[in-house]
Amino acid sequence: MRLFQTNLFFAFVAACLLALPASAQMTEKLNQRGKLLGWEAVGKLEVPGGFCTGALISRDTVLTAAHCVFDPQGQLYPAGEMRFRPGYYDGMALETRRVDHLVAHANYHHRSDGLIGAQSIPFDLALLKLDAPIYANGVNPFRLQERPEPGQKVTLVSYGRGRSEALTREADCQIKERYRDGIISFSCDATFGSSGAPVFVREDGRMRILSVVSAVGKSRNGAQETYGMVLPARIAELKAALIKTAPGLPINSCSKSVRVKRNSSERGTSARFVRAPGS
């Protein structure tokens, strides 16, 4: 799994990447059915040679990061070679679905060198249409939340390096900053495989998806920051594009899309998690 430096240009100078310190946040491994209650719609997204994290926002639609669905050459993975496994732990999942077709936001610019800049982070989003809806017991799609506030408590639920066989829940991390163009930074401890993971906030007693993990880097004081984006407008654009890329319909010019390719050759690579220095 390769590590890429990213360029993040705001009104500050990017810091050099260093080894990340251990997180001070409290984490819990969701490796039992009882611990998964309420989080069953978060799953492992398996791509050729690697994985990311994704979450259901409808019975047959998965939200993840756009950079998860591109190969190292900058081509979208064939949809049929991707699998979504909600509630996955220790080799088991509540269901397994093949991806039927997908769209990545057109304003996300994937580079073959693996770099990601501030101009792409707000659009580092993809929607995946599954080949069949998921109605397994407890697997309830999440709604979106659209009012991020600095200091607000959030929860990150993700797979990752060293914790790929079960979800890890990190509660009580915080929104640190909201930057221009809809970029949000969090204090959550994301790592390889956490790409595409949902960042939750509690509203009216229910967990709602506030953002999606795109990148991780250092703040000016050396603390780890995880970067995501504001969702509602981008998701509305992707939903419209996804409908227009259904089999038999023309591809929308405002999205990058791919449909299932039968008997396509498998391309071995790692799902990438990118780091963005600076804050």
Protein backbone atom coordinates (compact mmCIF):
# COMPACT_ATOMS: atom_id res chain seq x y z
CA MET A 1 0.00 0.00 0.00
CA ARG A 2 1.61 3.24 -1.14
CA LEU A 3 1.78 6.50 0.79
CA PHE A 4 1.38 9.76 -1.05
CA GLN A 5 2.10 13.29 0.03
CA THR A 6 -0.56 15.79 -0.92
CA ASN A 7 -0.62 19.52 -1.50
CA LEU A 8 -3.12 21.50 0.53
CA PHE A 9 -2.98 25.23 -0.17
CA PHE A 10 -5.04 27.50 2.06
CA ALA A 11 -3.75 30.63 3.79
CA PHE A 12 -0.96 28.68 5.44
CA VAL A 13 2.30 26.94 4.60
CA ALA A 14 2.14 23.15 4.26
CA ALA A 15 4.07 21.27 6.93
CA CYS A 16 6.32 18.28 6.26
CA LEU A 17 4.82 14.84 6.78
CA LEU A 18 6.05 13.03 9.87
CA ALA A 19 5.10 9.76 11.51
CA LEU A 20 1.72 10.25 13.10
CA PRO A 21 1.48 10.05 16.88
CA ALA A 22 -0.90 7.65 18.55
CA SER A 23 -4.37 9.08 18.84
CA ALA A 24 -5.61 10.29 22.17
CA GLN A 25 -9.19 9.52 21.19
CA MET A 26 -11.04 6.54 22.63
CA THR A 27 -11.59 3.76 20.08
CA GLU A 28 -13.64 0.58 20.16
CA LYS A 29 -13.32 -2.46 17.93
CA LEU A 30 -16.75 -3.59 16.68
CA ASN A 31 -15.89 -7.27 16.39
CA GLN A 32 -19.09 -8.73 17.85
CA ARG A 33 -22.65 -8.67 16.56
CA GLY A 34 -23.85 -6.79 19.62
CA LYS A 35 -21.25 -4.06 19.21
CA LEU A 36 -22.29 -3.56 15.58
CA LEU A 37 -25.82 -2.52 16.50
CA GLY A 38 -26.58 0.76 14.80
CA TRP A 39 -23.50 0.60 12.56
CA GLU A 40 -24.49 -2.32 10.30
CA ALA A 41 -24.84 -0.09 7.22
CA VAL A 42 -21.11 0.74 7.32
CA GLY A 43 -19.12 -1.80 5.37
CA LYS A 44 -15.88 -2.80 3.72
CA LEU A 45 -15.60 -1.79 0.09
CA GLU A 46 -13.34 -4.32 -1.63
CA VAL A 47 -11.57 -3.21 -4.80
CA PRO A 48 -8.91 -5.07 -6.79
CA GLY A 49 -5.93 -5.45 -4.47
CA GLY A 50 -7.25 -3.36 -1.59
CA PHE A 51 -10.16 -1.90 0.32
CA CYS A 52 -11.81 1.27 1.55
CA THR A 53 -14.78 2.00 3.81
CA GLY A 54 -18.26 2.90 2.60
CA ALA A 55 -21.75 3.41 3.98
CA LEU A 56 -25.27 2.85 2.67
CA ILE A 57 -27.33 5.98 2.09
CA SER A 58 -30.14 3.95 0.53
CA ARG A 59 -30.85 0.23 0.29
CA ASP A 60 -28.76 -0.08 -2.86
CA THR A 61 -26.46 2.98 -2.85
CA VAL A 62 -23.06 3.25 -1.16
CA LEU A 63 -21.25 6.51 -0.39
CA THR A 64 -17.44 6.47 -0.40
CA ALA A 65 -14.43 8.54 -1.51
CA ALA A 66 -13.78 9.05 -5.22
CA HIS A 67 -10.10 8.16 -4.93
CA CYS A 68 -11.13 4.68 -3.75
CA VAL A 69 -12.58 3.80 -7.13
CA PHE A 70 -9.59 4.71 -9.32
CA ASP A 71 -6.67 2.46 -10.17
CA PRO A 72 -3.03 3.74 -10.12
CA GLN A 73 -3.29 4.64 -13.81
CA GLY A 74 -6.20 6.96 -13.12
CA GLN A 75 -8.88 4.68 -14.59
CA LEU A 76 -12.08 3.78 -12.80
CA TYR A 77 -12.14 0.20 -11.57
CA PRO A 78 -14.62 -2.01 -13.43
CA ALA A 79 -17.76 -1.92 -11.32
CA GLY A 80 -18.17 -5.69 -11.38
CA GLU A 81 -14.80 -6.18 -9.65
CA MET A 82 -15.91 -4.25 -6.56
CA ARG A 83 -17.82 -5.72 -3.61
CA PHE A 84 -19.58 -4.04 -0.68
CA ARG A 85 -19.81 -6.02 2.57
CA PRO A 86 -21.87 -4.26 5.28
CA GLY A 87 -21.20 -5.14 8.90
CA TYR A 88 -18.07 -7.06 7.95
CA TYR A 89 -15.94 -8.60 10.71
CA ASP A 90 -13.61 -11.59 10.92
CA GLY A 91 -14.36 -12.78 7.39
CA MET A 92 -18.13 -12.55 7.73
CA ALA A 93 -20.60 -9.92 6.54
CA LEU A 94 -24.34 -9.39 6.90
CA GLU A 95 -24.59 -9.37 3.09
CA THR A 96 -22.27 -9.13 0.08
CA ARG A 97 -23.22 -7.19 -3.02
CA ARG A 98 -21.46 -6.60 -6.32
CA VAL A 99 -21.32 -3.01 -7.58
CA ASP A 100 -23.48 -2.64 -10.69
CA HIS A 101 -22.45 0.86 -11.75
CA LEU A 102 -20.91 3.93 -10.16
CA VAL A 103 -20.12 7.62 -10.52
CA ALA A 104 -17.26 9.72 -9.20
CA HIS A 105 -17.69 13.49 -9.02
CA ALA A 106 -16.39 15.17 -12.19
CA ASN A 107 -14.64 17.91 -10.19
CA TYR A 108 -12.46 15.36 -8.42
CA HIS A 109 -9.21 15.29 -10.40
CA HIS A 110 -7.38 12.02 -9.99
CA ARG A 111 -3.65 12.13 -10.64
CA SER A 112 -1.55 9.14 -11.58
CA ASP A 113 1.12 10.20 -9.05
CA GLY A 114 -1.43 9.83 -6.25
CA LEU A 115 -1.37 13.47 -5.14
CA ILE A 116 -4.57 15.19 -4.08
CA GLY A 117 -4.92 18.94 -3.70
CA ALA A 118 -7.29 21.21 -1.86
CA GLN A 119 -9.22 21.79 -5.06
CA SER A 120 -10.17 18.08 -5.20
CA ILE A 121 -10.93 17.28 -1.55
CA PRO A 122 -14.42 18.90 -1.62
CA PHE A 123 -15.31 16.59 -4.53
CA ASP A 124 -13.58 13.39 -3.38
CA LEU A 125 -16.87 11.51 -3.45
CA ALA A 126 -18.40 8.58 -5.32
CA LEU A 127 -21.73 6.79 -5.32
CA LEU A 128 -21.95 3.06 -6.03
CA LYS A 129 -25.16 1.38 -7.16
CA LEU A 130 -25.35 -2.21 -5.95
CA ASP A 131 -26.67 -5.10 -8.00
CA ALA A 132 -29.48 -5.67 -5.46
CA PRO A 133 -30.90 -3.80 -2.45
CA ILE A 134 -29.86 -4.85 1.06
CA TYR A 135 -32.66 -5.65 3.52
CA ALA A 136 -30.69 -7.63 6.09
CA ASN A 137 -31.84 -7.25 9.67
CA GLY A 138 -30.43 -4.08 11.22
CA VAL A 139 -28.88 -2.74 8.03
CA ASN A 140 -30.56 0.65 7.90
CA PRO A 141 -29.19 3.32 5.53
CA PHE A 142 -27.98 6.56 7.05
CA ARG A 143 -29.30 10.02 6.36
CA LEU A 144 -27.07 13.05 5.77
CA GLN A 145 -26.53 15.97 8.13
CA GLU A 146 -25.59 19.36 6.75
CA ARG A 147 -24.75 21.79 9.56
CA PRO A 148 -21.11 21.35 10.65
CA GLU A 149 -19.99 23.57 13.50
CA PRO A 150 -16.42 23.95 14.84
CA GLY A 151 -16.03 22.02 18.10
CA GLN A 152 -19.00 19.76 17.39
CA LYS A 153 -18.48 16.15 18.49
CA VAL A 154 -18.28 13.59 15.71
CA THR A 155 -17.74 9.83 15.42
CA LEU A 156 -15.60 8.04 12.84
CA VAL A 157 -16.44 4.41 11.98
CA SER A 158 -13.96 2.75 9.63
CA TYR A 159 -11.75 -0.13 8.64
CA GLY A 160 -8.02 0.48 8.41
CA ARG A 161 -4.50 -0.82 8.45
CA GLY A 162 -4.09 -3.17 11.42
CA ARG A 163 -7.86 -3.21 11.89
CA SER A 164 -9.06 -4.49 8.55
CA GLU A 165 -11.10 -7.39 9.96
CA ALA A 166 -13.49 -5.31 12.04
CA LEU A 167 -14.84 -1.80 12.17
CA THR A 168 -13.29 0.61 14.64
CA ARG A 169 -15.47 3.28 16.20
CA GLU A 170 -13.80 6.45 17.39
CA ALA A 171 -16.21 8.54 19.41
CA ASP A 172 -15.89 12.12 20.62
CA CYS A 173 -13.44 13.47 18.12
CA GLN A 174 -14.20 17.03 17.04
CA ILE A 175 -14.70 19.28 14.08
CA LYS A 176 -11.59 21.48 14.15
CA GLU A 177 -12.02 23.90 11.26
CA ARG A 178 -14.24 24.59 8.30
CA TYR A 179 -12.20 25.89 5.39
CA ARG A 180 -13.24 27.53 2.16
CA ASP A 181 -14.77 25.45 -0.62
CA GLY A 182 -16.47 23.13 1.87
CA ILE A 183 -13.44 21.38 3.38
CA ILE A 184 -13.77 20.30 7.03
CA SER A 185 -10.99 19.10 9.34
CA PHE A 186 -11.50 16.66 12.21
CA SER A 187 -9.40 15.41 15.11
CA CYS A 188 -10.27 11.78 14.26
CA ASP A 189 -7.49 9.17 13.90
CA ALA A 190 -7.92 7.97 10.31
CA THR A 191 -5.44 5.65 8.59
CA PHE A 192 -5.00 3.51 5.46
CA GLY A 193 -8.37 1.94 4.57
CA SER A 194 -10.28 4.72 6.33
CA SER A 195 -10.69 6.44 2.98
CA GLY A 196 -14.38 6.85 2.23
CA ALA A 197 -15.38 6.24 5.84
CA PRO A 198 -18.41 8.13 7.16
CA VAL A 199 -17.96 10.81 9.81
CA PHE A 200 -21.10 10.89 11.96
CA VAL A 201 -22.82 13.45 14.10
CA ARG A 202 -25.75 12.78 16.42
CA GLU A 203 -28.96 14.65 15.67
CA ASP A 204 -32.25 14.03 17.48
CA GLY A 205 -30.86 10.80 18.91
CA ARG A 206 -29.85 9.40 15.52
CA MET A 207 -26.46 9.18 13.84
CA ARG A 208 -26.24 11.02 10.53
CA ILE A 209 -23.38 11.24 8.05
CA LEU A 210 -21.74 14.65 8.19
CA SER A 211 -18.74 14.00 5.95
CA VAL A 212 -16.53 11.39 4.27
CA VAL A 213 -12.82 10.83 4.98
CA SER A 214 -10.65 12.07 2.12
CA ALA A 215 -7.16 12.76 3.51
CA VAL A 216 -5.09 13.09 6.65
CA GLY A 217 -2.22 15.37 7.56
CA LYS A 218 -0.71 17.72 10.15
CA SER A 219 -1.94 20.97 11.57
CA ARG A 220 0.39 23.91 12.16
CA ASN A 221 0.97 22.77 15.74
CA GLY A 222 1.82 19.21 14.63
CA ALA A 223 -1.48 17.58 15.58
CA GLN A 224 -3.10 15.07 13.26
CA GLU A 225 -6.04 16.27 11.20
CA THR A 226 -8.41 14.27 9.06
CA TYR A 227 -10.02 16.06 6.11
CA GLY A 228 -13.47 15.65 4.68
CA MET A 229 -16.07 17.78 2.95
CA VAL A 230 -19.56 19.23 3.23
CA LEU A 231 -21.93 16.75 1.59
CA PRO A 232 -25.48 17.75 0.62
CA ALA A 233 -24.93 19.67 -2.63
CA ARG A 234 -22.29 17.21 -3.88
CA ILE A 235 -24.47 14.19 -3.08
CA ALA A 236 -27.43 15.72 -4.90
CA GLU A 237 -25.23 16.14 -7.98
CA LEU A 238 -23.96 12.58 -7.77
CA LYS A 239 -27.45 11.12 -7.28
CA ALA A 240 -28.66 12.84 -10.43
CA ALA A 241 -25.65 11.55 -12.34
CA LEU A 242 -26.05 8.03 -10.97
CA ILE A 243 -29.62 7.83 -12.24
CA LYS A 244 -28.48 8.90 -15.69
CA THR A 245 -25.73 6.28 -15.79
CA ALA A 246 -28.05 3.35 -15.13
CA PRO A 247 -27.72 0.61 -17.77
CA GLY A 248 -29.37 1.68 -21.00
CA LEU A 249 -29.21 5.40 -20.20
CA PRO A 250 -26.65 7.94 -21.47
CA ILE A 251 -23.75 9.02 -19.26
CA ASN A 252 -24.15 12.45 -17.68
CA SER A 253 -21.41 14.87 -18.66
CA CYS A 254 -21.11 16.11 -15.06
CA SER A 255 -19.76 12.84 -13.74
CA LYS A 256 -17.19 10.15 -14.36
CA SER A 257 -18.86 6.78 -14.48
CA VAL A 258 -18.35 3.11 -15.15
CA ARG A 259 -20.73 0.21 -15.59
CA VAL A 260 -20.22 -3.48 -14.99
CA LYS A 261 -17.73 -5.08 -17.36
CA ARG A 262 -18.17 -8.81 -17.66
CA ASN A 263 -15.10 -11.05 -17.62
CA SER A 264 -12.74 -8.09 -17.23
CA SER A 265 -9.18 -8.79 -16.14
CA GLU A 266 -8.36 -7.99 -12.54
CA ARG A 267 -5.93 -5.16 -11.89
CA GLY A 268 -3.95 -5.66 -8.72
CA THR A 269 -3.33 -2.50 -6.72
CA SER A 270 -3.97 -1.07 -3.30
CA ALA A 271 -6.77 1.21 -2.30
CA ARG A 272 -4.96 4.37 -1.45
CA PHE A 273 -5.22 6.59 1.58
CA VAL A 274 -3.70 10.00 0.97
CA ARG A 275 -2.22 12.41 3.48
CA ALA A 276 -2.63 16.17 3.31
CA PRO A 277 -0.02 18.16 5.25
CA GLY A 278 -0.78 21.50 6.74
CA SER A 279 -3.68 23.31 8.32
